[in-house]
């Protein structure tokens, strides 16, 4: 199984993009885990592994007693993502975990030092941008909810030596859909859209 960890500070979520065949918009921490835990031990194991990968890949160091973790959901990631593109060639289970932190995104930004081997660009996305992303449902032709967003979004590009520089990314990339056939396009992955939609729901119905 793989675990993907999102940090949440107020209404911001920090996102990473890889501009190859798909744009993965999330803090992506991939690790293999054994499933011999009880529920509480399993959650603690995910948290510890996620925090470790968080530091290794982004430079952000958060302690387990400084965050409030919540498992958003599980996703069976399949490639190709739709049967119209062929029979599945590989799949794995993704665990999406949300971390609530008392630190603001500006405080986290000052410690941000992404690994260029893992991250090509990153951005802070608010709920308005996330709603636009998840409204672009793969395999459907419905309208995308742009909410008067600008045509381009500012992102921090990661150089080969790890330095960050501001560049612009066309909004079209973030709201592109997976085509039902033919070559894939640069886009937010289907699983990531699922996780971001769960994050939006957590804002609308917070835990008591």
Protein backbone atom coordinates (compact mmCIF):
# COMPACT_ATOMS: atom_id res chain seq x y z
CA UNK A 1 0.00 0.00 0.00
CA UNK A 2 1.04 3.58 -0.46
CA UNK A 3 0.27 6.52 1.77
CA UNK A 4 -0.13 10.11 0.62
CA UNK A 5 -0.06 12.79 3.29
CA UNK A 6 -1.66 16.22 3.01
CA UNK A 7 -0.84 19.07 5.36
CA UNK A 8 -3.73 21.35 6.22
CA UNK A 9 -3.30 24.79 7.78
CA UNK A 10 -6.56 26.69 8.01
CA UNK A 11 -7.94 26.70 4.43
CA UNK A 12 -4.71 25.97 2.60
CA UNK A 13 -3.31 22.71 1.37
CA UNK A 14 0.24 22.40 0.12
CA UNK A 15 0.62 20.69 -3.22
CA UNK A 16 3.36 19.31 -5.40
CA UNK A 17 3.25 19.00 -9.16
CA UNK A 18 5.28 16.74 -11.40
CA UNK A 19 5.00 17.97 -14.98
CA UNK A 20 5.53 14.73 -16.86
CA UNK A 21 2.67 12.62 -18.28
CA UNK A 22 0.50 13.67 -15.38
CA UNK A 23 0.51 16.37 -12.76
CA UNK A 24 0.37 14.93 -9.27
CA UNK A 25 -0.98 17.57 -6.96
CA UNK A 26 -0.39 16.44 -3.42
CA UNK A 27 2.38 15.77 -0.99
CA UNK A 28 3.32 12.36 -2.30
CA UNK A 29 5.04 10.07 0.14
CA UNK A 30 5.22 6.54 -1.20
CA UNK A 31 6.18 3.62 1.00
CA UNK A 32 5.39 -0.06 1.34
CA UNK A 33 3.71 -1.04 4.58
CA UNK A 34 2.86 -4.35 6.17
CA UNK A 35 -0.72 -4.76 7.37
CA UNK A 36 -0.15 -6.70 10.58
CA UNK A 37 -1.23 -3.84 12.84
CA UNK A 38 -4.32 -3.25 14.91
CA UNK A 39 -6.26 -0.14 13.85
CA UNK A 40 -4.52 2.29 16.24
CA UNK A 41 -1.04 0.88 15.62
CA UNK A 42 -1.68 0.93 11.88
CA UNK A 43 -2.60 4.63 12.02
CA UNK A 44 0.48 5.42 14.11
CA UNK A 45 2.64 3.50 11.65
CA UNK A 46 1.22 5.48 8.74
CA UNK A 47 1.75 8.77 10.57
CA UNK A 48 5.35 8.02 11.50
CA UNK A 49 6.16 6.88 7.97
CA UNK A 50 4.40 9.87 6.45
CA UNK A 51 6.16 12.40 8.67
CA UNK A 52 9.51 10.81 7.88
CA UNK A 53 8.88 10.99 4.15
CA UNK A 54 7.51 14.52 4.55
CA UNK A 55 10.85 15.68 5.90
CA UNK A 56 12.91 13.74 3.37
CA UNK A 57 10.97 15.00 0.37
CA UNK A 58 10.04 18.55 1.39
CA UNK A 59 12.31 19.51 4.26
CA UNK A 60 9.26 20.09 6.50
CA UNK A 61 9.80 18.59 9.94
CA UNK A 62 6.63 18.03 11.96
CA UNK A 63 6.46 15.96 15.12
CA UNK A 64 3.63 13.50 15.72
CA UNK A 65 2.50 15.42 18.82
CA UNK A 66 2.31 18.66 16.80
CA UNK A 67 -0.24 17.47 14.25
CA UNK A 68 -3.72 16.01 14.32
CA UNK A 69 -3.85 13.17 11.76
CA UNK A 70 -6.96 11.91 10.03
CA UNK A 71 -7.29 9.23 7.37
CA UNK A 72 -9.31 10.80 4.58
CA UNK A 73 -9.89 7.61 2.64
CA UNK A 74 -8.44 4.78 0.59
CA UNK A 75 -8.14 4.70 -3.18
CA UNK A 76 -7.48 1.75 -5.46
CA UNK A 77 -5.13 3.28 -7.98
CA UNK A 78 -5.28 1.53 -11.35
CA UNK A 79 -3.33 2.11 -14.55
CA UNK A 80 -4.72 2.77 -17.09
CA UNK A 81 -7.33 4.70 -15.09
CA UNK A 82 -10.24 3.78 -17.39
CA UNK A 83 -11.19 0.54 -19.14
CA UNK A 84 -11.59 2.48 -22.38
CA UNK A 85 -7.81 2.89 -22.31
CA UNK A 86 -7.15 -0.82 -21.86
CA UNK A 87 -7.16 -3.52 -19.19
CA UNK A 88 -5.39 -2.69 -15.89
CA UNK A 89 -1.65 -3.32 -15.99
CA UNK A 90 -0.88 -2.47 -12.37
CA UNK A 91 -2.66 -1.24 -9.28
CA UNK A 92 -2.06 -0.47 -5.61
CA UNK A 93 -3.97 0.86 -2.62
CA UNK A 94 -3.35 4.48 -1.65
CA UNK A 95 -4.05 5.74 1.88
CA UNK A 96 -4.72 9.48 1.97
CA UNK A 97 -3.98 11.07 5.34
CA UNK A 98 -4.72 14.67 6.34
CA UNK A 99 -2.51 16.45 8.87
CA UNK A 100 -3.91 19.45 10.74
CA UNK A 101 -1.14 21.80 11.85
CA UNK A 102 -1.27 24.97 13.93
CA UNK A 103 1.46 26.44 11.72
CA UNK A 104 0.41 28.76 8.91
CA UNK A 105 1.42 28.09 5.33
CA UNK A 106 3.84 31.04 5.57
CA UNK A 107 5.58 29.41 8.53
CA UNK A 108 5.79 26.12 6.67
CA UNK A 109 6.99 27.87 3.52
CA UNK A 110 10.07 29.19 5.33
CA UNK A 111 11.16 25.61 6.06
CA UNK A 112 10.27 24.24 2.64
CA UNK A 113 13.21 22.59 0.88
CA UNK A 114 11.88 20.05 -1.65
CA UNK A 115 14.04 17.22 -2.92
CA UNK A 116 14.63 17.80 -6.66
CA UNK A 117 14.70 14.02 -7.15
CA UNK A 118 11.08 13.80 -5.96
CA UNK A 119 9.49 17.21 -6.60
CA UNK A 120 9.59 19.37 -9.73
CA UNK A 121 7.26 22.14 -8.52
CA UNK A 122 4.97 23.00 -5.63
CA UNK A 123 2.19 25.42 -4.78
CA UNK A 124 -0.24 26.41 -2.07
CA UNK A 125 -3.82 25.79 -3.22
CA UNK A 126 -6.85 27.27 -1.52
CA UNK A 127 -10.31 25.72 -1.55
CA UNK A 128 -11.41 27.77 -4.58
CA UNK A 129 -8.64 26.34 -6.76
CA UNK A 130 -9.23 22.83 -5.41
CA UNK A 131 -12.95 23.05 -6.26
CA UNK A 132 -12.02 23.89 -9.83
CA UNK A 133 -9.64 20.93 -9.99
CA UNK A 134 -12.14 18.38 -8.69
CA UNK A 135 -14.93 19.74 -10.92
CA UNK A 136 -12.96 18.48 -13.93
CA UNK A 137 -14.20 14.90 -13.55
CA UNK A 138 -12.27 12.40 -15.65
CA UNK A 139 -14.38 10.72 -18.30
CA UNK A 140 -17.11 13.37 -18.21
CA UNK A 141 -17.83 16.46 -20.30
CA UNK A 142 -19.50 18.66 -17.69
CA UNK A 143 -18.59 22.27 -17.04
CA UNK A 144 -15.51 23.07 -14.99
CA UNK A 145 -16.12 25.35 -12.01
CA UNK A 146 -13.53 28.08 -12.56
CA UNK A 147 -15.01 30.72 -10.19
CA UNK A 148 -13.24 33.54 -12.09
CA UNK A 149 -9.81 32.06 -11.39
CA UNK A 150 -6.88 33.60 -13.31
CA UNK A 151 -5.68 31.89 -16.48
CA UNK A 152 -2.37 31.01 -14.85
CA UNK A 153 -1.31 29.98 -11.36
CA UNK A 154 1.96 30.87 -9.63
CA UNK A 155 3.99 27.83 -8.59
CA UNK A 156 7.45 27.33 -7.12
CA UNK A 157 9.69 25.40 -9.49
CA UNK A 158 12.41 23.22 -8.00
CA UNK A 159 15.81 23.39 -9.73
CA UNK A 160 18.33 20.55 -9.90
CA UNK A 161 20.12 21.94 -6.84
CA UNK A 162 16.87 22.35 -4.87
CA UNK A 163 16.46 26.11 -5.26
CA UNK A 164 12.92 27.48 -5.65
CA UNK A 165 11.89 29.99 -8.30
CA UNK A 166 8.46 31.41 -9.11
CA UNK A 167 6.97 30.39 -12.46
CA UNK A 168 3.45 30.34 -13.86
CA UNK A 169 1.46 27.22 -14.72
CA UNK A 170 -1.55 27.46 -17.05
CA UNK A 171 -4.77 26.83 -15.15
CA UNK A 172 -5.74 24.56 -18.04
CA UNK A 173 -3.20 21.98 -16.83
CA UNK A 174 -4.84 21.71 -13.41
CA UNK A 175 -8.36 21.30 -14.82
CA UNK A 176 -7.56 18.93 -17.69
CA UNK A 177 -9.36 15.58 -17.79
CA UNK A 178 -8.05 12.11 -18.57
CA UNK A 179 -8.95 11.36 -22.21
CA UNK A 180 -10.98 8.21 -22.81
CA UNK A 181 -8.55 7.13 -25.55
CA UNK A 182 -5.32 8.20 -27.19
CA UNK A 183 -2.26 9.72 -25.50
CA UNK A 184 -2.62 10.96 -21.94
CA UNK A 185 -2.33 14.65 -21.15
CA UNK A 186 -0.64 16.70 -18.47
CA UNK A 187 -3.22 16.73 -15.68
CA UNK A 188 -4.03 16.12 -12.03
CA UNK A 189 -4.30 12.38 -11.45
CA UNK A 190 -7.71 10.83 -10.84
CA UNK A 191 -6.70 9.60 -7.38
CA UNK A 192 -5.48 13.04 -6.40
CA UNK A 193 -8.80 14.58 -7.42
CA UNK A 194 -10.49 12.00 -5.19
CA UNK A 195 -8.28 13.00 -2.25
CA UNK A 196 -8.82 16.71 -2.83
CA UNK A 197 -12.58 16.18 -2.93
CA UNK A 198 -12.37 14.38 0.41
CA UNK A 199 -10.38 17.33 1.77
CA UNK A 200 -13.12 19.74 0.64
CA UNK A 201 -15.72 17.60 2.39
CA UNK A 202 -13.66 17.72 5.57
CA UNK A 203 -13.88 21.53 5.47
CA UNK A 204 -17.65 21.45 5.09
CA UNK A 205 -18.22 18.88 7.84
CA UNK A 206 -15.36 19.18 10.36
CA UNK A 207 -14.98 16.70 13.14
CA UNK A 208 -16.82 17.68 16.36
